[in-house]
Every structure is written in C-alpha cells, then in structure tokens.
C-alpha atoms as a PDB file:
ATOM      1  CA  MET A   1       0.000   0.000   0.000  1.00  0.00           C
ATOM      2  CA  TRP A   2       1.262   3.452  -0.856  1.00  0.00           C
ATOM      3  CA  ASP A   3       2.289   5.744   1.984  1.00  0.00           C
ATOM      4  CA  GLY A   4       0.681   9.214   2.040  1.00  0.00           C
ATOM      5  CA  VAL A   5       3.499  10.656   4.153  1.00  0.00           C
ATOM      6  CA  LYS A   6       6.127   9.520   1.635  1.00  0.00           C
ATOM      7  CA  VAL A   7       3.996  10.750  -1.282  1.00  0.00           C
ATOM      8  CA  LYS A   8       3.746  14.216   0.249  1.00  0.00           C
ATOM      9  CA  ALA A   9       7.435  14.298   1.186  1.00  0.00           C
ATOM     10  CA  GLN A  10       8.528  13.403  -2.354  1.00  0.00           C
ATOM     11  CA  GLY A  11       6.035  15.855  -3.838  1.00  0.00           C
ATOM     12  CA  LYS A  12       7.452  18.609  -1.631  1.00  0.00           C
ATOM     13  CA  ILE A  13      11.014  17.818  -2.707  1.00  0.00           C
ATOM     14  CA  ASN A  14      10.097  17.953  -6.406  1.00  0.00           C
ATOM     15  CA  PHE A  15       8.151  21.161  -5.854  1.00  0.00           C
ATOM     16  CA  LYS A  16      11.149  22.852  -4.226  1.00  0.00           C
ATOM     17  CA  ASN A  17      13.452  21.613  -6.991  1.00  0.00           C
ATOM     18  CA  ASN A  18      11.355  23.480  -9.554  1.00  0.00           C
ATOM     19  CA  TYR A  19       9.730  26.141  -7.385  1.00  0.00           C
ATOM     20  CA  PHE A  20       9.048  29.017  -9.791  1.00  0.00           C
ATOM     21  CA  ASN A  21       7.696  26.897 -12.643  1.00  0.00           C
ATOM     22  CA  SER A  22       5.501  24.953 -10.192  1.00  0.00           C
ATOM     23  CA  VAL A  23       4.052  28.179  -8.786  1.00  0.00           C
ATOM     24  CA  LEU A  24       3.438  29.606 -12.258  1.00  0.00           C
ATOM     25  CA  VAL A  25       1.656  26.477 -13.520  1.00  0.00           C
ATOM     26  CA  SER A  26      -0.450  26.201 -10.350  1.00  0.00           C
ATOM     27  CA  ILE A  27      -1.551  29.854 -10.741  1.00  0.00           C
ATOM     28  CA  ILE A  28      -2.480  29.215 -14.400  1.00  0.00           C
ATOM     29  CA  TYR A  29      -4.324  26.061 -13.312  1.00  0.00           C
ATOM     30  CA  SER A  30      -6.264  27.975 -10.646  1.00  0.00           C
ATOM     31  CA  ILE A  31      -7.174  30.960 -12.838  1.00  0.00           C
ATOM     32  CA  PHE A  32      -8.516  28.869 -15.711  1.00  0.00           C
ATOM     33  CA  PHE A  33     -10.526  26.451 -13.596  1.00  0.00           C
ATOM     34  CA  ILE A  34     -12.055  29.149 -11.381  1.00  0.00           C
ATOM     35  CA  ALA A  35     -12.921  31.157 -14.499  1.00  0.00           C
ATOM     36  CA  SER A  36     -14.497  28.134 -16.195  1.00  0.00           C
ATOM     37  CA  GLY A  37     -16.920  27.719 -13.296  1.00  0.00           C
ATOM     38  CA  SER A  38     -18.050  31.333 -13.252  1.00  0.00           C
ATOM     39  CA  SER A  39     -21.035  32.892 -15.073  1.00  0.00           C
ATOM     40  CA  ALA A  40     -22.423  36.257 -16.119  1.00  0.00           C
ATOM     41  CA  LYS A  41     -24.819  36.442 -13.167  1.00  0.00           C
ATOM     42  CA  GLY A  42     -23.838  39.964 -12.137  1.00  0.00           C
ATOM     43  CA  LYS A  43     -24.855  41.436 -15.483  1.00  0.00           C
ATOM     44  CA  ALA A  44     -28.280  39.846 -15.320  1.00  0.00           C
ATOM     45  CA  ASP A  45     -29.051  41.691 -12.055  1.00  0.00           C
ATOM     46  CA  GLU A  46     -28.091  45.001 -13.637  1.00  0.00           C
ATOM     47  CA  VAL A  47     -30.382  44.586 -16.609  1.00  0.00           C
ATOM     48  CA  GLY A  48     -33.286  43.368 -14.441  1.00  0.00           C
ATOM     49  CA  LYS A  49     -34.093  46.758 -12.855  1.00  0.00           C
ATOM     50  CA  ASP A  50     -34.603  48.429 -16.224  1.00  0.00           C
ATOM     51  CA  ILE A  51     -36.705  45.814 -17.953  1.00  0.00           C
ATOM     52  CA  ILE A  52     -39.206  45.428 -15.092  1.00  0.00           C
ATOM     53  CA  TYR A  53     -40.666  48.856 -15.961  1.00  0.00           C
ATOM     54  CA  ASP A  54     -40.372  48.475 -19.720  1.00  0.00           C
ATOM     55  CA  PRO A  55     -43.641  47.953 -21.690  1.00  0.00           C
ATOM     56  CA  ASP A  56     -41.830  45.529 -24.000  1.00  0.00           C
ATOM     57  CA  PHE A  57     -40.723  43.452 -21.033  1.00  0.00           C
ATOM     58  CA  ILE A  58     -41.290  40.043 -22.698  1.00  0.00           C
ATOM     59  CA  LYS A  59     -39.387  40.974 -25.888  1.00  0.00           C
ATOM     60  CA  ILE A  60     -36.473  42.389 -23.944  1.00  0.00           C
ATOM     61  CA  MET A  61     -36.440  39.399 -21.605  1.00  0.00           C
ATOM     62  CA  ILE A  62     -36.267  37.020 -24.583  1.00  0.00           C
ATOM     63  CA  ILE A  63     -33.344  38.984 -26.023  1.00  0.00           C
ATOM     64  CA  VAL A  64     -31.535  39.056 -22.676  1.00  0.00           C
ATOM     65  CA  LEU A  65     -32.072  35.330 -22.105  1.00  0.00           C
ATOM     66  CA  SER A  66     -30.893  34.601 -25.648  1.00  0.00           C
ATOM     67  CA  ILE A  67     -27.704  36.595 -25.064  1.00  0.00           C
ATOM     68  CA  LEU A  68     -27.105  34.848 -21.747  1.00  0.00           C
ATOM     69  CA  GLY A  69     -27.724  31.501 -23.454  1.00  0.00           C
ATOM     70  CA  VAL A  70     -25.122  32.298 -26.105  1.00  0.00           C
ATOM     71  CA  ILE A  71     -22.631  33.369 -23.399  1.00  0.00           C
ATOM     72  CA  LEU A  72     -23.229  30.162 -21.424  1.00  0.00           C
ATOM     73  CA  ALA A  73     -22.937  28.029 -24.574  1.00  0.00           C
ATOM     74  CA  ALA A  74     -19.694  29.793 -25.506  1.00  0.00           C
ATOM     75  CA  SER A  75     -18.353  29.258 -21.964  1.00  0.00           C
ATOM     76  CA  PHE A  76     -19.282  25.580 -22.192  1.00  0.00           C
ATOM     77  CA  LEU A  77     -17.432  25.197 -25.494  1.00  0.00           C
ATOM     78  CA  VAL A  78     -14.368  27.026 -24.136  1.00  0.00           C
ATOM     79  CA  LYS A  79     -14.367  24.667 -21.144  1.00  0.00           C
ATOM     80  CA  ILE A  80     -14.551  21.559 -23.346  1.00  0.00           C
ATOM     81  CA  PHE A  81     -12.161  22.513 -26.132  1.00  0.00           C
ATOM     82  CA  LEU A  82      -9.684  24.863 -24.432  1.00  0.00           C
ATOM     83  CA  ILE A  83      -9.637  24.325 -20.664  1.00  0.00           C
ATOM     84  CA  ASN A  84     -10.024  20.522 -20.596  1.00  0.00           C
ATOM     85  CA  PRO A  85      -6.807  19.931 -22.613  1.00  0.00           C
ATOM     86  CA  LEU A  86      -5.090  22.594 -20.501  1.00  0.00           C
ATOM     87  CA  GLU A  87      -5.965  20.616 -17.361  1.00  0.00           C
ATOM     88  CA  ILE A  88      -4.172  17.619 -18.835  1.00  0.00           C
ATOM     89  CA  GLY A  89      -1.218  19.829 -19.780  1.00  0.00           C
ATOM     90  CA  CYS A  90      -0.962  21.086 -16.185  1.00  0.00           C
ATOM     91  CA  ASN A  91      -1.039  17.546 -14.853  1.00  0.00           C
ATOM     92  CA  ARG A  92       1.542  16.547 -17.467  1.00  0.00           C
ATOM     93  CA  PHE A  93       3.834  19.264 -16.112  1.00  0.00           C
ATOM     94  CA  PHE A  94       3.579  17.916 -12.563  1.00  0.00           C
ATOM     95  CA  ILE A  95       4.091  14.284 -13.638  1.00  0.00           C
ATOM     96  CA  VAL A  96       7.247  15.206 -15.573  1.00  0.00           C
ATOM     97  CA  ASN A  97       8.358  17.286 -12.592  1.00  0.00           C
ATOM     98  CA  GLN A  98       8.525  14.116 -10.492  1.00  0.00           C
ATOM     99  CA  TYR A  99      11.380  12.883 -12.685  1.00  0.00           C
ATOM    100  CA  GLU A 100      13.148  16.069 -13.782  1.00  0.00           C
ATOM    101  CA  LYS A 101      12.729  19.836 -13.897  1.00  0.00           C
ATOM    102  CA  ALA A 102       9.566  20.219 -15.965  1.00  0.00           C
ATOM    103  CA  ASN A 103       9.265  22.868 -18.640  1.00  0.00           C
ATOM    104  CA  ILE A 104       6.321  25.285 -18.944  1.00  0.00           C
ATOM    105  CA  GLY A 105       5.927  24.021 -22.508  1.00  0.00           C
ATOM    106  CA  GLU A 106       4.283  20.866 -21.088  1.00  0.00           C
ATOM    107  CA  LEU A 107       1.081  22.918 -20.754  1.00  0.00           C
ATOM    108  CA  SER A 108       0.501  22.692 -24.501  1.00  0.00           C
ATOM    109  CA  TYR A 109       1.064  18.918 -24.597  1.00  0.00           C
ATOM    110  CA  SER A 110      -2.556  17.881 -25.169  1.00  0.00           C
ATOM    111  CA  TYR A 111      -3.089  20.410 -27.948  1.00  0.00           C
ATOM    112  CA  LYS A 112      -0.320  18.685 -29.916  1.00  0.00           C
ATOM    113  CA  ASN A 113      -0.867  15.043 -28.947  1.00  0.00           C
ATOM    114  CA  ASN A 114      -4.204  13.318 -29.574  1.00  0.00           C
ATOM    115  CA  TYR A 115      -6.240  16.411 -28.793  1.00  0.00           C
ATOM    116  CA  ILE A 116      -9.581  14.593 -29.272  1.00  0.00           C
ATOM    117  CA  ASN A 117      -8.729  12.010 -26.599  1.00  0.00           C
ATOM    118  CA  ALA A 118      -7.986  14.831 -24.156  1.00  0.00           C
ATOM    119  CA  VAL A 119     -11.254  16.620 -24.944  1.00  0.00           C
ATOM    120  CA  SER A 120     -13.416  13.489 -24.789  1.00  0.00           C
ATOM    121  CA  GLY A 121     -11.742  12.026 -21.686  1.00  0.00           C
ATOM    122  CA  ILE A 122     -12.223  15.072 -19.458  1.00  0.00           C
ATOM    123  CA  PHE A 123     -15.705  15.735 -20.880  1.00  0.00           C
ATOM    124  CA  LEU A 124     -16.820  12.196 -19.982  1.00  0.00           C
ATOM    125  CA  ARG A 125     -15.238  12.461 -16.535  1.00  0.00           C
ATOM    126  CA  ASP A 126     -17.066  15.735 -15.817  1.00  0.00           C
ATOM    127  CA  LEU A 127     -20.329  14.319 -17.169  1.00  0.00           C
ATOM    128  CA  PHE A 128     -20.228  11.259 -14.911  1.00  0.00           C
ATOM    129  CA  ILE A 129     -19.286  13.360 -11.876  1.00  0.00           C
ATOM    130  CA  ILE A 130     -22.188  15.763 -12.500  1.00  0.00           C
ATOM    131  CA  LEU A 131     -24.597  12.832 -12.909  1.00  0.00           C
ATOM    132  CA  GLY A 132     -23.213  11.360  -9.681  1.00  0.00           C
ATOM    133  CA  LEU A 133     -23.790  14.632  -7.809  1.00  0.00           C
ATOM    134  CA  PHE A 134     -27.409  14.610  -8.993  1.00  0.00           C
ATOM    135  CA  LEU A 135     -27.737  11.253  -7.207  1.00  0.00           C
ATOM    136  CA  PHE A 136     -26.780  13.024  -3.924  1.00  0.00           C
ATOM    137  CA  VAL A 137     -23.431  14.078  -2.521  1.00  0.00           C
ATOM    138  CA  ILE A 138     -21.929  10.749  -1.432  1.00  0.00           C
ATOM    139  CA  PRO A 139     -22.283   8.958  -4.818  1.00  0.00           C
ATOM    140  CA  GLY A 140     -20.892  12.116  -6.451  1.00  0.00           C
ATOM    141  CA  VAL A 141     -17.834  12.087  -4.186  1.00  0.00           C
ATOM    142  CA  ILE A 142     -17.242   8.372  -4.828  1.00  0.00           C
ATOM    143  CA  ILE A 143     -17.453   8.901  -8.603  1.00  0.00           C
ATOM    144  CA  THR A 144     -15.120  11.906  -8.324  1.00  0.00           C
ATOM    145  CA  TYR A 145     -12.485   9.733  -6.649  1.00  0.00           C
ATOM    146  CA  SER A 146     -13.084   6.866  -9.100  1.00  0.00           C
ATOM    147  CA  TYR A 147     -12.184   9.152 -12.001  1.00  0.00           C
ATOM    148  CA  ARG A 148      -9.509  11.143 -10.214  1.00  0.00           C
ATOM    149  CA  MET A 149      -6.684   9.690 -12.321  1.00  0.00           C
ATOM    150  CA  VAL A 150      -8.237  10.375 -15.754  1.00  0.00           C
ATOM    151  CA  PRO A 151      -6.250  13.582 -16.518  1.00  0.00           C
ATOM    152  CA  TYR A 152      -3.005  11.963 -15.329  1.00  0.00           C
ATOM    153  CA  ILE A 153      -3.568   8.875 -17.496  1.00  0.00           C
ATOM    154  CA  LEU A 154      -4.209  11.057 -20.554  1.00  0.00           C
ATOM    155  CA  ALA A 155      -1.252  13.279 -19.656  1.00  0.00           C
ATOM    156  CA  GLU A 156       1.095  10.309 -19.531  1.00  0.00           C
ATOM    157  CA  ASN A 157      -0.292   8.477 -22.548  1.00  0.00           C
ATOM    158  CA  PRO A 158      -2.339  10.599 -24.994  1.00  0.00           C
ATOM    159  CA  THR A 159      -3.088   7.556 -27.179  1.00  0.00           C
ATOM    160  CA  VAL A 160      -5.472   6.205 -24.519  1.00  0.00           C
ATOM    161  CA  LYS A 161      -9.073   6.877 -25.564  1.00  0.00           C
ATOM    162  CA  GLY A 162     -11.308   8.858 -23.218  1.00  0.00           C
ATOM    163  CA  VAL A 163     -13.549   5.879 -22.386  1.00  0.00           C
ATOM    164  CA  ASP A 164     -10.515   3.705 -21.657  1.00  0.00           C
ATOM    165  CA  ALA A 165      -9.020   6.388 -19.409  1.00  0.00           C
ATOM    166  CA  LEU A 166     -12.197   6.293 -17.304  1.00  0.00           C
ATOM    167  CA  ARG A 167     -12.049   2.499 -17.066  1.00  0.00           C
ATOM    168  CA  ILE A 168      -8.344   2.471 -16.116  1.00  0.00           C
ATOM    169  CA  SER A 169      -8.910   5.161 -13.487  1.00  0.00           C
ATOM    170  CA  ARG A 170     -11.780   3.178 -11.935  1.00  0.00           C
ATOM    171  CA  GLU A 171      -9.605   0.084 -11.720  1.00  0.00           C
ATOM    172  CA  MET A 172      -6.621   1.995 -10.325  1.00  0.00           C
ATOM    173  CA  MET A 173      -8.769   3.594  -7.622  1.00  0.00           C
ATOM    174  CA  LYS A 174     -10.365   0.348  -6.412  1.00  0.00           C
ATOM    175  CA  GLY A 175      -9.408   0.105  -2.756  1.00  0.00           C
ATOM    176  CA  ASN A 176      -7.680   3.511  -2.923  1.00  0.00           C
ATOM    177  CA  LYS A 177     -10.617   5.956  -2.776  1.00  0.00           C
ATOM    178  CA  TRP A 178     -10.769   6.151   1.030  1.00  0.00           C
ATOM    179  CA  SER A 179      -6.985   6.490   1.390  1.00  0.00           C
ATOM    180  CA  ALA A 180      -6.963   9.233  -1.270  1.00  0.00           C
ATOM    181  CA  PHE A 181      -9.773  11.001   0.607  1.00  0.00           C
ATOM    182  CA  VAL A 182      -7.794  10.878   3.867  1.00  0.00           C
ATOM    183  CA  TYR A 183      -4.730  12.101   1.972  1.00  0.00           C
ATOM    184  CA  ASP A 184      -6.721  15.130   0.729  1.00  0.00           C
ATOM    185  CA  LEU A 185      -7.983  15.837   4.249  1.00  0.00           C
ATOM    186  CA  SER A 186      -4.379  15.986   5.460  1.00  0.00           C
ATOM    187  CA  PHE A 187      -3.984  19.267   3.537  1.00  0.00           C
ATOM    188  CA  ILE A 188      -6.749  21.075   5.447  1.00  0.00           C
ATOM    189  CA  GLY A 189      -4.238  22.758   7.761  1.00  0.00           C
ATOM    190  CA  TRP A 190      -2.335  24.079   4.746  1.00  0.00           C
ATOM    191  CA  TYR A 191      -5.538  25.464   3.214  1.00  0.00           C
ATOM    192  CA  LEU A 192      -6.366  27.194   6.500  1.00  0.00           C
ATOM    193  CA  LEU A 193      -2.909  28.780   6.392  1.00  0.00           C
ATOM    194  CA  GLY A 194      -3.721  29.936   2.869  1.00  0.00           C
ATOM    195  CA  CYS A 195      -6.928  31.592   4.102  1.00  0.00           C
ATOM    196  CA  ILE A 196      -5.149  33.268   7.035  1.00  0.00           C
ATOM    197  CA  THR A 197      -2.546  34.749   4.662  1.00  0.00           C
ATOM    198  CA  CYS A 198      -5.285  36.014   2.278  1.00  0.00           C
ATOM    199  CA  GLY A 199      -4.333  33.448  -0.349  1.00  0.00           C
ATOM    200  CA  ILE A 200      -0.626  34.370  -0.500  1.00  0.00           C
ATOM    201  CA  ALA A 201       0.572  31.093   1.041  1.00  0.00           C
ATOM    202  CA  LEU A 202      -1.968  29.236  -1.094  1.00  0.00           C
ATOM    203  CA  ALA A 203      -0.631  30.647  -4.356  1.00  0.00           C
ATOM    204  CA  PHE A 204       3.083  30.543  -3.586  1.00  0.00           C
ATOM    205  CA  TYR A 205       3.369  27.354  -1.566  1.00  0.00           C
ATOM    206  CA  VAL A 206       0.302  25.277  -0.700  1.00  0.00           C
ATOM    207  CA  TYR A 207      -1.282  24.769  -4.121  1.00  0.00           C
ATOM    208  CA  PRO A 208       1.918  24.037  -6.101  1.00  0.00           C
ATOM    209  CA  TYR A 209       3.041  21.713  -3.299  1.00  0.00           C
ATOM    210  CA  LYS A 210      -0.341  19.905  -3.397  1.00  0.00           C
ATOM    211  CA  LEU A 211      -0.263  19.542  -7.197  1.00  0.00           C
ATOM    212  CA  ASN A 212       3.242  18.049  -7.074  1.00  0.00           C
ATOM    213  CA  ALA A 213       2.142  15.680  -4.317  1.00  0.00           C
ATOM    214  CA  ASP A 214      -0.971  14.727  -6.334  1.00  0.00           C
ATOM    215  CA  ALA A 215       1.226  13.754  -9.286  1.00  0.00           C
ATOM    216  CA  GLN A 216       3.356  11.668  -6.918  1.00  0.00           C
ATOM    217  CA  LEU A 217       0.139  10.078  -5.602  1.00  0.00           C
ATOM    218  CA  TYR A 218      -0.813   9.089  -9.152  1.00  0.00           C
ATOM    219  CA  LEU A 219       2.586   7.471  -9.709  1.00  0.00           C
ATOM    220  CA  ALA A 220       2.349   5.610  -6.383  1.00  0.00           C
ATOM    221  CA  ILE A 221      -1.138   4.252  -7.120  1.00  0.00           C
ATOM    222  CA  LYS A 222      -0.138   3.344 -10.678  1.00  0.00           C
ATOM    223  CA  LYS A 223       2.861   1.397  -9.389  1.00  0.00           C
ATOM    224  CA  GLN A 224       0.759  -0.352  -6.745  1.00  0.00           C
ATOM    225  CA  SER A 225      -1.956  -1.314  -9.244  1.00  0.00           C
ATOM    226  CA  GLY A 226       0.600  -2.632 -11.727  1.00  0.00           C
ATOM    227  CA  TYR A 227      -0.631  -0.512 -14.631  1.00  0.00           C
ATOM    228  CA  THR A 228       1.763   0.561 -17.354  1.00  0.00           C
ATOM    229  CA  VAL A 229      -0.188   3.464 -18.842  1.00  0.00           C
END
C-alpha cells in the first residue's frame, strides 16, 4: 500500500526543486478552472431593474435570455475545447516534474498530442461526476475519486481513448478511494494557512506543493496497481 506521508514528502522535494515553474503552472491552473466555473450572473441583475418597468418586457427578456444563453454556450465550449486539454497539460507538467525539472511548454502537450482524446476524456469524466452529484453528494464524491486519475492517465499516454481512461482510473482507484480522501484531508491545515494569509501562502506554496504531491500520488497508485499506462 502506498504511503501518504512519503507521497507528500517526495512531492514537496520535487516542488522545491522546480519552485518558480511549479508556482506559475499552479496559478495558471487555478485561474482557468475558477474562471471556467463562473457565469455572467452579475450582469443579469443590472439589466433586471430596467426591464421590469419596460412595456416591451417580454421581448427584452427574450433577447436578454438569448444573449445569456449564447454566453453560457460559448463558456461551455471554451471549457470543453480549451480548458479541458489545458488541465491535462498542467497535470503533465507535474508528472514530468517528479522525474526532472519540468518545462512550462508541457502545458501545450494535449493540444499537440491526440487532442480529441484529451477533450473526450475530461468531458466524460465531468459528465459522470455531474450525474453522480445529482444522485446526492456521497455517490458524487465516490465517482469523483473513481475518475480522479483520468487527466493523469491522458497526460502520460495521450493515445489512450477517453472511455478507456475512465475504465483504467476506476480500476486503479479500487481500494484507494478512502486512502486518497484521507490524503486530501491531510492538507486542510495548509488550506487554513492559505486563508489566514489572504491566499498568499496558497498561491506561492500550498497549491503548487499539493499539485506536485498529487502527481506523486498518481505514480504511487499506478505502481501499486501494476498498470503501465
């Protein structure tokens, strides 16, 4: 069985060996994934006050909803075709960083290597997680951990098809979901430190350290499960 303490220790060493690149990639990772989950809600509130008193309320509302629909659709497409491959590129960086000093150029890896597999793999992962969350929180969390390794599998071997990446991740995480959950909980103190420092410690230490450790966790579970991705 893999050892969480050793995983974190090795992740920390590899983080410190490539500190600035790790911080930069983790900031890029954070910005893109926070942005992909946001919406244009604030603008809708602004428009609402004016159209309530407008005689052509229904027409204006249709136009506004149509515009918002286009914005949401565009955001959805950006998430699928731009951000999903970038997630794999970020994970690729941290996997490579466990062996040598990784280069920022790893971020573009999925755009150049079997792009469709990257897009389909992360799309299917997100779809199953969302469906799981609709079934209540606990099934959603279990599914999230089942498919945790999907971006790492695709980052290490872009020839793996999206559906196969999901299957491999499920098999790798059998018997490892609870341990991975406990491992994630062990970072709570670090996240609290990040909050106390107004996010400074989070950006410049905690998050890049965690992402390096997560890549080391993937390698440990892969070795334990006997998979050669």
